Amino acid sequence: MSQVIYCLNIKSLDEEVMLVTEETENPNDNKLFKKIPAICKYIDISTLSLPEMIKESKEIKLDFKLKK
């Protein structure tokens, strides 16, 4: 929730903000609370999943190598 509150503070300064999270809005567990994207949607904060951010970013380059 600290990330959501931080985004609300930035938004209150009329700055654009987007929260990047590993969570999706789809409920796939039995938690009592809503997931971050659902909360952000309710309070009008944009979200992006981590895989989407990596896919859309032209600055992030990943190279995986197996260690022997």
PDB file of N, CA and C in Angstrom:
ATOM      1  N   MET A   1       0.822  -1.195   0.000  1.00  0.00           N
ATOM      2  CA  MET A   1       0.000   0.000   0.000  1.00  0.00           C
ATOM      3  C   MET A   1       0.861   1.252   0.000  1.00  0.00           C
ATOM      4  N   SER A   2       2.093   1.150   0.465  1.00  0.00           N
ATOM      5  CA  SER A   2       2.945   2.340   0.475  1.00  0.00           C
ATOM      6  C   SER A   2       3.199   2.848  -0.941  1.00  0.00           C
ATOM      7  N   GLN A   3       3.275   1.942  -1.911  1.00  0.00           N
ATOM      8  CA  GLN A   3       3.451   2.358  -3.304  1.00  0.00           C
ATOM      9  C   GLN A   3       2.227   3.120  -3.810  1.00  0.00           C
ATOM     10  N   VAL A   4       1.047   2.649  -3.442  1.00  0.00           N
ATOM     11  CA  VAL A   4      -0.195   3.297  -3.863  1.00  0.00           C
ATOM     12  C   VAL A   4      -0.285   4.689  -3.234  1.00  0.00           C
ATOM     13  N   ILE A   5       0.032   4.791  -1.954  1.00  0.00           N
ATOM     14  CA  ILE A   5      -0.005   6.089  -1.268  1.00  0.00           C
ATOM     15  C   ILE A   5       1.029   7.037  -1.874  1.00  0.00           C
ATOM     16  N   TYR A   6       2.196   6.519  -2.181  1.00  0.00           N
ATOM     17  CA  TYR A   6       3.227   7.335  -2.821  1.00  0.00           C
ATOM     18  C   TYR A   6       2.722   7.881  -4.160  1.00  0.00           C
ATOM     19  N   CYS A   7       2.074   7.030  -4.949  1.00  0.00           N
ATOM     20  CA  CYS A   7       1.518   7.466  -6.234  1.00  0.00           C
ATOM     21  C   CYS A   7       0.434   8.528  -6.036  1.00  0.00           C
ATOM     22  N   LEU A   8      -0.383   8.357  -5.003  1.00  0.00           N
ATOM     23  CA  LEU A   8      -1.404   9.371  -4.704  1.00  0.00           C
ATOM     24  C   LEU A   8      -0.756  10.712  -4.369  1.00  0.00           C
ATOM     25  N   ASN A   9       0.336  10.699  -3.622  1.00  0.00           N
ATOM     26  CA  ASN A   9       1.054  11.933  -3.304  1.00  0.00           C
ATOM     27  C   ASN A   9       1.607  12.603  -4.549  1.00  0.00           C
ATOM     28  N   ILE A  10       2.186  11.827  -5.440  1.00  0.00           N
ATOM     29  CA  ILE A  10       2.704  12.373  -6.697  1.00  0.00           C
ATOM     30  C   ILE A  10       1.563  12.945  -7.525  1.00  0.00           C
ATOM     31  N   LYS A  11       0.464  12.213  -7.599  1.00  0.00           N
ATOM     32  CA  LYS A  11      -0.704  12.664  -8.371  1.00  0.00           C
ATOM     33  C   LYS A  11      -1.277  13.960  -7.801  1.00  0.00           C
ATOM     34  N   SER A  12      -1.224  14.136  -6.488  1.00  0.00           N
ATOM     35  CA  SER A  12      -1.750  15.358  -5.870  1.00  0.00           C
ATOM     36  C   SER A  12      -0.931  16.591  -6.261  1.00  0.00           C
ATOM     37  N   LEU A  13       0.283  16.385  -6.761  1.00  0.00           N
ATOM     38  CA  LEU A  13       1.131  17.480  -7.237  1.00  0.00           C
ATOM     39  C   LEU A  13       0.944  17.735  -8.727  1.00  0.00           C
ATOM     40  N   ASP A  14      -0.115  17.171  -9.297  1.00  0.00           N
ATOM     41  CA  ASP A  14      -0.429  17.276 -10.732  1.00  0.00           C
ATOM     42  C   ASP A  14       0.672  16.692 -11.618  1.00  0.00           C
ATOM     43  N   GLU A  15       1.339  15.673 -11.118  1.00  0.00           N
ATOM     44  CA  GLU A  15       2.352  14.952 -11.892  1.00  0.00           C
ATOM     45  C   GLU A  15       1.740  13.656 -12.405  1.00  0.00           C
ATOM     46  N   GLU A  16       2.215  13.205 -13.558  1.00  0.00           N
ATOM     47  CA  GLU A  16       1.766  11.918 -14.077  1.00  0.00           C
ATOM     48  C   GLU A  16       2.517  10.810 -13.347  1.00  0.00           C
ATOM     49  N   VAL A  17       1.802   9.748 -13.049  1.00  0.00           N
ATOM     50  CA  VAL A  17       2.422   8.636 -12.335  1.00  0.00           C
ATOM     51  C   VAL A  17       1.835   7.322 -12.829  1.00  0.00           C
ATOM     52  N   MET A  18       2.675   6.290 -12.856  1.00  0.00           N
ATOM     53  CA  MET A  18       2.228   4.950 -13.218  1.00  0.00           C
ATOM     54  C   MET A  18       2.910   3.964 -12.283  1.00  0.00           C
ATOM     55  N   LEU A  19       2.138   3.079 -11.706  1.00  0.00           N
ATOM     56  CA  LEU A  19       2.674   2.087 -10.787  1.00  0.00           C
ATOM     57  C   LEU A  19       2.953   0.795 -11.544  1.00  0.00           C
ATOM     58  N   VAL A  20       4.183   0.326 -11.478  1.00  0.00           N
ATOM     59  CA  VAL A  20       4.568  -0.933 -12.118  1.00  0.00           C
ATOM     60  C   VAL A  20       4.514  -2.018 -11.046  1.00  0.00           C
ATOM     61  N   THR A  21       3.804  -3.094 -11.358  1.00  0.00           N
ATOM     62  CA  THR A  21       3.601  -4.159 -10.382  1.00  0.00           C
ATOM     63  C   THR A  21       3.678  -5.520 -11.056  1.00  0.00           C
ATOM     64  N   GLU A  22       3.983  -6.518 -10.274  1.00  0.00           N
ATOM     65  CA  GLU A  22       3.988  -7.889 -10.794  1.00  0.00           C
ATOM     66  C   GLU A  22       2.591  -8.501 -10.751  1.00  0.00           C
ATOM     67  N   GLU A  23       1.675  -7.840 -10.059  1.00  0.00           N
ATOM     68  CA  GLU A  23       0.317  -8.368  -9.927  1.00  0.00           C
ATOM     69  C   GLU A  23      -0.536  -8.039 -11.147  1.00  0.00           C
ATOM     70  N   THR A  24      -1.538  -8.879 -11.370  1.00  0.00           N
ATOM     71  CA  THR A  24      -2.556  -8.606 -12.377  1.00  0.00           C
ATOM     72  C   THR A  24      -3.872  -8.367 -11.647  1.00  0.00           C
ATOM     73  N   GLU A  25      -4.818  -7.823 -12.364  1.00  0.00           N
ATOM     74  CA  GLU A  25      -6.108  -7.537 -11.746  1.00  0.00           C
ATOM     75  C   GLU A  25      -6.942  -8.795 -11.541  1.00  0.00           C
ATOM     76  N   ASN A  26      -6.627  -9.853 -12.271  1.00  0.00           N
ATOM     77  CA  ASN A  26      -7.392 -11.094 -12.199  1.00  0.00           C
ATOM     78  C   ASN A  26      -7.270 -11.754 -10.833  1.00  0.00           C
ATOM     79  N   PRO A  27      -8.394 -12.075 -10.212  1.00  0.00           N
ATOM     80  CA  PRO A  27      -8.324 -12.766  -8.911  1.00  0.00           C
ATOM     81  C   PRO A  27      -7.943 -14.240  -9.119  1.00  0.00           C
ATOM     82  N   ASN A  28      -6.804 -14.630  -8.584  1.00  0.00           N
ATOM     83  CA  ASN A  28      -6.382 -16.024  -8.734  1.00  0.00           C
ATOM     84  C   ASN A  28      -6.024 -16.641  -7.379  1.00  0.00           C
ATOM     85  N   ASP A  29      -6.489 -16.006  -6.330  1.00  0.00           N
ATOM     86  CA  ASP A  29      -6.248 -16.540  -5.004  1.00  0.00           C
ATOM     87  C   ASP A  29      -7.437 -16.180  -4.107  1.00  0.00           C
ATOM     88  N   ASN A  30      -7.379 -16.567  -2.885  1.00  0.00           N
ATOM     89  CA  ASN A  30      -8.499 -16.322  -1.970  1.00  0.00           C
ATOM     90  C   ASN A  30      -8.199 -15.226  -0.955  1.00  0.00           C
ATOM     91  N   LYS A  31      -7.425 -14.217  -1.370  1.00  0.00           N
ATOM     92  CA  LYS A  31      -7.083 -13.125  -0.460  1.00  0.00           C
ATOM     93  C   LYS A  31      -8.318 -12.285  -0.159  1.00  0.00           C
ATOM     94  N   LEU A  32      -8.351 -11.703   1.030  1.00  0.00           N
ATOM     95  CA  LEU A  32      -9.481 -10.882   1.436  1.00  0.00           C
ATOM     96  C   LEU A  32      -9.421  -9.480   0.857  1.00  0.00           C
ATOM     97  N   PHE A  33      -8.261  -9.058   0.420  1.00  0.00           N
ATOM     98  CA  PHE A  33      -8.114  -7.707  -0.109  1.00  0.00           C
ATOM     99  C   PHE A  33      -7.926  -7.738  -1.619  1.00  0.00           C
ATOM    100  N   LYS A  34      -8.209  -6.606  -2.251  1.00  0.00           N
ATOM    101  CA  LYS A  34      -8.064  -6.505  -3.704  1.00  0.00           C
ATOM    102  C   LYS A  34      -6.588  -6.367  -4.070  1.00  0.00           C
ATOM    103  N   LYS A  35      -6.273  -6.727  -5.292  1.00  0.00           N
ATOM    104  CA  LYS A  35      -4.912  -6.614  -5.773  1.00  0.00           C
ATOM    105  C   LYS A  35      -4.602  -5.168  -6.154  1.00  0.00           C
ATOM    106  N   ILE A  36      -3.324  -4.842  -6.238  1.00  0.00           N
ATOM    107  CA  ILE A  36      -2.876  -3.477  -6.519  1.00  0.00           C
ATOM    108  C   ILE A  36      -3.522  -2.890  -7.782  1.00  0.00           C
ATOM    109  N   PRO A  37      -3.557  -3.591  -8.922  1.00  0.00           N
ATOM    110  CA  PRO A  37      -4.178  -2.990 -10.103  1.00  0.00           C
ATOM    111  C   PRO A  37      -5.661  -2.644  -9.901  1.00  0.00           C
ATOM    112  N   ALA A  38      -6.386  -3.452  -9.162  1.00  0.00           N
ATOM    113  CA  ALA A  38      -7.805  -3.174  -8.915  1.00  0.00           C
ATOM    114  C   ALA A  38      -7.962  -1.943  -8.019  1.00  0.00           C
ATOM    115  N   ILE A  39      -7.113  -1.822  -7.017  1.00  0.00           N
ATOM    116  CA  ILE A  39      -7.147  -0.651  -6.136  1.00  0.00           C
ATOM    117  C   ILE A  39      -6.811   0.603  -6.930  1.00  0.00           C
ATOM    118  N   CYS A  40      -5.762   0.529  -7.742  1.00  0.00           N
ATOM    119  CA  CYS A  40      -5.338   1.684  -8.527  1.00  0.00           C
ATOM    120  C   CYS A  40      -6.400   2.098  -9.547  1.00  0.00           C
ATOM    121  N   LYS A  41      -7.056   1.131 -10.133  1.00  0.00           N
ATOM    122  CA  LYS A  41      -8.121   1.440 -11.091  1.00  0.00           C
ATOM    123  C   LYS A  41      -9.240   2.224 -10.398  1.00  0.00           C
ATOM    124  N   TYR A  42      -9.559   1.846  -9.179  1.00  0.00           N
ATOM    125  CA  TYR A  42     -10.617   2.497  -8.409  1.00  0.00           C
ATOM    126  C   TYR A  42     -10.268   3.943  -8.077  1.00  0.00           C
ATOM    127  N   ILE A  43      -8.983   4.218  -7.811  1.00  0.00           N
ATOM    128  CA  ILE A  43      -8.585   5.587  -7.446  1.00  0.00           C
ATOM    129  C   ILE A  43      -7.878   6.304  -8.595  1.00  0.00           C
ATOM    130  N   ASP A  44      -8.022   5.787  -9.818  1.00  0.00           N
ATOM    131  CA  ASP A  44      -7.550   6.432 -11.043  1.00  0.00           C
ATOM    132  C   ASP A  44      -6.028   6.627 -11.082  1.00  0.00           C
ATOM    133  N   ILE A  45      -5.305   5.568 -10.769  1.00  0.00           N
ATOM    134  CA  ILE A  45      -3.849   5.556 -10.931  1.00  0.00           C
ATOM    135  C   ILE A  45      -3.534   4.500 -11.995  1.00  0.00           C
ATOM    136  N   SER A  46      -2.760   4.891 -12.991  1.00  0.00           N
ATOM    137  CA  SER A  46      -2.397   3.961 -14.061  1.00  0.00           C
ATOM    138  C   SER A  46      -1.452   2.888 -13.542  1.00  0.00           C
ATOM    139  N   THR A  47      -1.607   1.684 -14.060  1.00  0.00           N
ATOM    140  CA  THR A  47      -0.710   0.592 -13.699  1.00  0.00           C
ATOM    141  C   THR A  47      -0.169  -0.082 -14.952  1.00  0.00           C
ATOM    142  N   LEU A  48       0.928  -0.753 -14.781  1.00  0.00           N
ATOM    143  CA  LEU A  48       1.552  -1.511 -15.851  1.00  0.00           C
ATOM    144  C   LEU A  48       2.194  -2.728 -15.207  1.00  0.00           C
ATOM    145  N   SER A  49       1.997  -3.882 -15.809  1.00  0.00           N
ATOM    146  CA  SER A  49       2.640  -5.069 -15.247  1.00  0.00           C
ATOM    147  C   SER A  49       4.123  -5.044 -15.606  1.00  0.00           C
ATOM    148  N   LEU A  50       4.916  -5.704 -14.814  1.00  0.00           N
ATOM    149  CA  LEU A  50       6.352  -5.740 -15.055  1.00  0.00           C
ATOM    150  C   LEU A  50       6.694  -6.319 -16.433  1.00  0.00           C
ATOM    151  N   PRO A  51       6.081  -7.438 -16.848  1.00  0.00           N
ATOM    152  CA  PRO A  51       6.366  -7.947 -18.202  1.00  0.00           C
ATOM    153  C   PRO A  51       5.975  -6.960 -19.300  1.00  0.00           C
ATOM    154  N   GLU A  52       4.851  -6.232 -19.116  1.00  0.00           N
ATOM    155  CA  GLU A  52       4.448  -5.230 -20.110  1.00  0.00           C
ATOM    156  C   GLU A  52       5.466  -4.097 -20.182  1.00  0.00           C
ATOM    157  N   MET A  53       5.963  -3.666 -19.028  1.00  0.00           N
ATOM    158  CA  MET A  53       6.942  -2.585 -19.010  1.00  0.00           C
ATOM    159  C   MET A  53       8.212  -2.993 -19.741  1.00  0.00           C
ATOM    160  N   ILE A  54       8.679  -4.202 -19.488  1.00  0.00           N
ATOM    161  CA  ILE A  54       9.890  -4.688 -20.151  1.00  0.00           C
ATOM    162  C   ILE A  54       9.656  -4.793 -21.650  1.00  0.00           C
ATOM    163  N   LYS A  55       8.495  -5.284 -22.038  1.00  0.00           N
ATOM    164  CA  LYS A  55       8.166  -5.445 -23.458  1.00  0.00           C
ATOM    165  C   LYS A  55       8.086  -4.087 -24.164  1.00  0.00           C
ATOM    166  N   GLU A  56       7.502  -3.083 -23.516  1.00  0.00           N
ATOM    167  CA  GLU A  56       7.309  -1.775 -24.127  1.00  0.00           C
ATOM    168  C   GLU A  56       8.550  -0.894 -24.082  1.00  0.00           C
ATOM    169  N   SER A  57       9.447  -1.175 -23.152  1.00  0.00           N
ATOM    170  CA  SER A  57      10.612  -0.322 -22.982  1.00  0.00           C
ATOM    171  C   SER A  57      11.642  -0.592 -24.060  1.00  0.00           C
ATOM    172  N   LYS A  58      12.142   0.489 -24.631  1.00  0.00           N
ATOM    173  CA  LYS A  58      13.197   0.359 -25.627  1.00  0.00           C
ATOM    174  C   LYS A  58      14.569   0.545 -24.977  1.00  0.00           C
ATOM    175  N   GLU A  59      14.582   0.932 -23.711  1.00  0.00           N
ATOM    176  CA  GLU A  59      15.832   1.175 -23.013  1.00  0.00           C
ATOM    177  C   GLU A  59      16.305  -0.033 -22.215  1.00  0.00           C
ATOM    178  N   ILE A  60      15.398  -0.937 -21.884  1.00  0.00           N
ATOM    179  CA  ILE A  60      15.764  -2.100 -21.083  1.00  0.00           C
ATOM    180  C   ILE A  60      16.129  -3.251 -22.007  1.00  0.00           C
ATOM    181  N   LYS A  61      17.324  -3.767 -21.825  1.00  0.00           N
ATOM    182  CA  LYS A  61      17.764  -4.910 -22.614  1.00  0.00           C
ATOM    183  C   LYS A  61      18.173  -6.014 -21.643  1.00  0.00           C
ATOM    184  N   LEU A  62      17.626  -7.172 -21.849  1.00  0.00           N
ATOM    185  CA  LEU A  62      17.921  -8.308 -20.979  1.00  0.00           C
ATOM    186  C   LEU A  62      18.685  -9.359 -21.758  1.00  0.00           C
ATOM    187  N   ASP A  63      19.664  -9.936 -21.091  1.00  0.00           N
ATOM    188  CA  ASP A  63      20.455 -10.996 -21.701  1.00  0.00           C
ATOM    189  C   ASP A  63      20.666 -12.064 -20.639  1.00  0.00           C
ATOM    190  N   PHE A  64      20.122 -13.234 -20.869  1.00  0.00           N
ATOM    191  CA  PHE A  64      20.236 -14.323 -19.905  1.00  0.00           C
ATOM    192  C   PHE A  64      21.295 -15.320 -20.383  1.00  0.00           C
ATOM    193  N   LYS A  65      22.183 -15.660 -19.460  1.00  0.00           N
ATOM    194  CA  LYS A  65      23.202 -16.645 -19.759  1.00  0.00           C
ATOM    195  C   LYS A  65      23.194 -17.697 -18.662  1.00  0.00           C
ATOM    196  N   LEU A  66      23.297 -18.933 -19.042  1.00  0.00           N
ATOM    197  CA  LEU A  66      23.343 -20.025 -18.062  1.00  0.00           C
ATOM    198  C   LEU A  66      24.764 -20.199 -17.553  1.00  0.00           C
ATOM    199  N   LYS A  67      24.867 -20.322 -16.226  1.00  0.00           N
ATOM    200  CA  LYS A  67      26.181 -20.582 -15.632  1.00  0.00           C
ATOM    201  C   LYS A  67      26.396 -22.078 -15.570  1.00  0.00           C
ATOM    202  N   LYS A  68      27.612 -22.495 -15.828  1.00  0.00           N
ATOM    203  CA  LYS A  68      27.936 -23.919 -15.763  1.00  0.00           C
ATOM    204  C   LYS A  68      28.509 -24.285 -14.438  1.00  0.00           C
TER     205      LYS A  68
END
